[in-house]
Amino acid sequence: MRVRSQNKVDASIYNTLGVQILSTLELTKSAGEERTGQFDLSSHPAGVYLIQIQDGQQVYSKRIIRK
C-alpha cells in the first residue's frame, strides 16, 4: 500500500474484534518520498487482520491474512 503525503503517517494493526494488537508505527515523510515499515505478526495466531494507515487527511485500510 502506498501513501504519498507530507503529513505524519500512523499505521496500526487490528484483529477481527477491532482490538489494536500492534502499537502504532509513526512515519514522517516528505512529498514524493516513500517510507516503509514492518510489523511482526509471528507471535500472533493465523487469521485475518486489518492494517489501518492514517496520513492526517485520509484513512486507508487493507485486510491482511496471516497463514
C-alpha atoms as a PDB file:
ATOM      1  CA  MET A   1       0.000   0.000   0.000  1.00  0.00           C
ATOM      2  CA  ARG A   2       1.464   3.353  -0.984  1.00  0.00           C
ATOM      3  CA  VAL A   3       0.576   6.605   0.716  1.00  0.00           C
ATOM      4  CA  ARG A   4       2.075   9.824  -0.600  1.00  0.00           C
ATOM      5  CA  SER A   5       1.687  12.606   1.914  1.00  0.00           C
ATOM      6  CA  GLN A   6       3.794  15.255   3.637  1.00  0.00           C
ATOM      7  CA  ASN A   7       1.941  14.616   6.881  1.00  0.00           C
ATOM      8  CA  LYS A   8       2.858  12.231   9.666  1.00  0.00           C
ATOM      9  CA  VAL A   9       1.710   8.705   8.810  1.00  0.00           C
ATOM     10  CA  ASP A  10       0.412   6.358  11.527  1.00  0.00           C
ATOM     11  CA  ALA A  11      -0.070   2.643  10.898  1.00  0.00           C
ATOM     12  CA  SER A  12      -1.797   0.162  13.212  1.00  0.00           C
ATOM     13  CA  ILE A  13      -2.837  -3.488  13.038  1.00  0.00           C
ATOM     14  CA  TYR A  14      -6.154  -4.720  14.433  1.00  0.00           C
ATOM     15  CA  ASN A  15      -7.611  -8.193  14.893  1.00  0.00           C
ATOM     16  CA  THR A  16     -11.105  -9.147  13.696  1.00  0.00           C
ATOM     17  CA  LEU A  17     -12.591  -7.956  17.016  1.00  0.00           C
ATOM     18  CA  GLY A  18     -11.254  -4.447  16.399  1.00  0.00           C
ATOM     19  CA  VAL A  19      -8.612  -4.661  19.122  1.00  0.00           C
ATOM     20  CA  GLN A  20      -5.310  -2.982  18.261  1.00  0.00           C
ATOM     21  CA  ILE A  21      -2.717  -5.744  18.530  1.00  0.00           C
ATOM     22  CA  LEU A  22       0.410  -3.875  17.498  1.00  0.00           C
ATOM     23  CA  SER A  23       1.435  -0.441  18.630  1.00  0.00           C
ATOM     24  CA  THR A  24       1.260   2.449  16.234  1.00  0.00           C
ATOM     25  CA  LEU A  25       4.140   2.971  13.860  1.00  0.00           C
ATOM     26  CA  GLU A  26       4.773   6.636  13.090  1.00  0.00           C
ATOM     27  CA  LEU A  27       6.473   7.681   9.888  1.00  0.00           C
ATOM     28  CA  THR A  28       7.219  11.236   8.813  1.00  0.00           C
ATOM     29  CA  LYS A  29       7.944  11.742   5.159  1.00  0.00           C
ATOM     30  CA  SER A  30       8.433  14.420   2.536  1.00  0.00           C
ATOM     31  CA  ALA A  31       6.236  14.717  -0.554  1.00  0.00           C
ATOM     32  CA  GLY A  32       7.047  12.046  -3.113  1.00  0.00           C
ATOM     33  CA  GLU A  33       9.348  10.226  -0.701  1.00  0.00           C
ATOM     34  CA  GLU A  34       8.454   6.655   0.166  1.00  0.00           C
ATOM     35  CA  ARG A  35       8.851   5.205   3.666  1.00  0.00           C
ATOM     36  CA  THR A  36       8.425   1.621   4.715  1.00  0.00           C
ATOM     37  CA  GLY A  37       7.671  -0.052   7.997  1.00  0.00           C
ATOM     38  CA  GLN A  38       7.376  -3.632   9.147  1.00  0.00           C
ATOM     39  CA  PHE A  39       5.070  -5.333  11.600  1.00  0.00           C
ATOM     40  CA  ASP A  40       5.989  -8.683  13.131  1.00  0.00           C
ATOM     41  CA  LEU A  41       2.912 -10.901  13.369  1.00  0.00           C
ATOM     42  CA  SER A  42       4.892 -14.062  14.213  1.00  0.00           C
ATOM     43  CA  SER A  43       3.647 -14.080  17.823  1.00  0.00           C
ATOM     44  CA  HIS A  44       0.003 -13.831  16.731  1.00  0.00           C
ATOM     45  CA  PRO A  45      -2.188 -16.688  15.514  1.00  0.00           C
ATOM     46  CA  ALA A  46      -3.040 -17.311  11.894  1.00  0.00           C
ATOM     47  CA  GLY A  47      -6.049 -15.348  10.756  1.00  0.00           C
ATOM     48  CA  VAL A  48      -7.336 -12.133   9.248  1.00  0.00           C
ATOM     49  CA  TYR A  49      -6.028  -8.753  10.389  1.00  0.00           C
ATOM     50  CA  LEU A  50      -6.691  -5.181   9.351  1.00  0.00           C
ATOM     51  CA  ILE A  51      -3.933  -2.666   8.765  1.00  0.00           C
ATOM     52  CA  GLN A  52      -5.068   0.937   9.038  1.00  0.00           C
ATOM     53  CA  ILE A  53      -2.914   3.803   7.806  1.00  0.00           C
ATOM     54  CA  GLN A  54      -3.764   7.426   8.592  1.00  0.00           C
ATOM     55  CA  ASP A  55      -1.949  10.339   6.986  1.00  0.00           C
ATOM     56  CA  GLY A  56      -3.741  13.197   8.717  1.00  0.00           C
ATOM     57  CA  GLN A  57      -6.201  13.669   5.857  1.00  0.00           C
ATOM     58  CA  GLN A  58      -7.246  10.188   4.795  1.00  0.00           C
ATOM     59  CA  VAL A  59      -7.567   6.727   6.303  1.00  0.00           C
ATOM     60  CA  TYR A  60      -6.537   3.685   4.281  1.00  0.00           C
ATOM     61  CA  SER A  61      -7.471   0.157   5.323  1.00  0.00           C
ATOM     62  CA  LYS A  62      -6.344  -3.171   3.969  1.00  0.00           C
ATOM     63  CA  ARG A  63      -7.107  -6.701   5.052  1.00  0.00           C
ATOM     64  CA  ILE A  64      -4.122  -8.992   5.523  1.00  0.00           C
ATOM     65  CA  ILE A  65      -4.110 -12.741   6.087  1.00  0.00           C
ATOM     66  CA  ARG A  66      -1.522 -14.464   8.249  1.00  0.00           C
ATOM     67  CA  LYS A  67      -1.196 -18.144   7.333  1.00  0.00           C
END
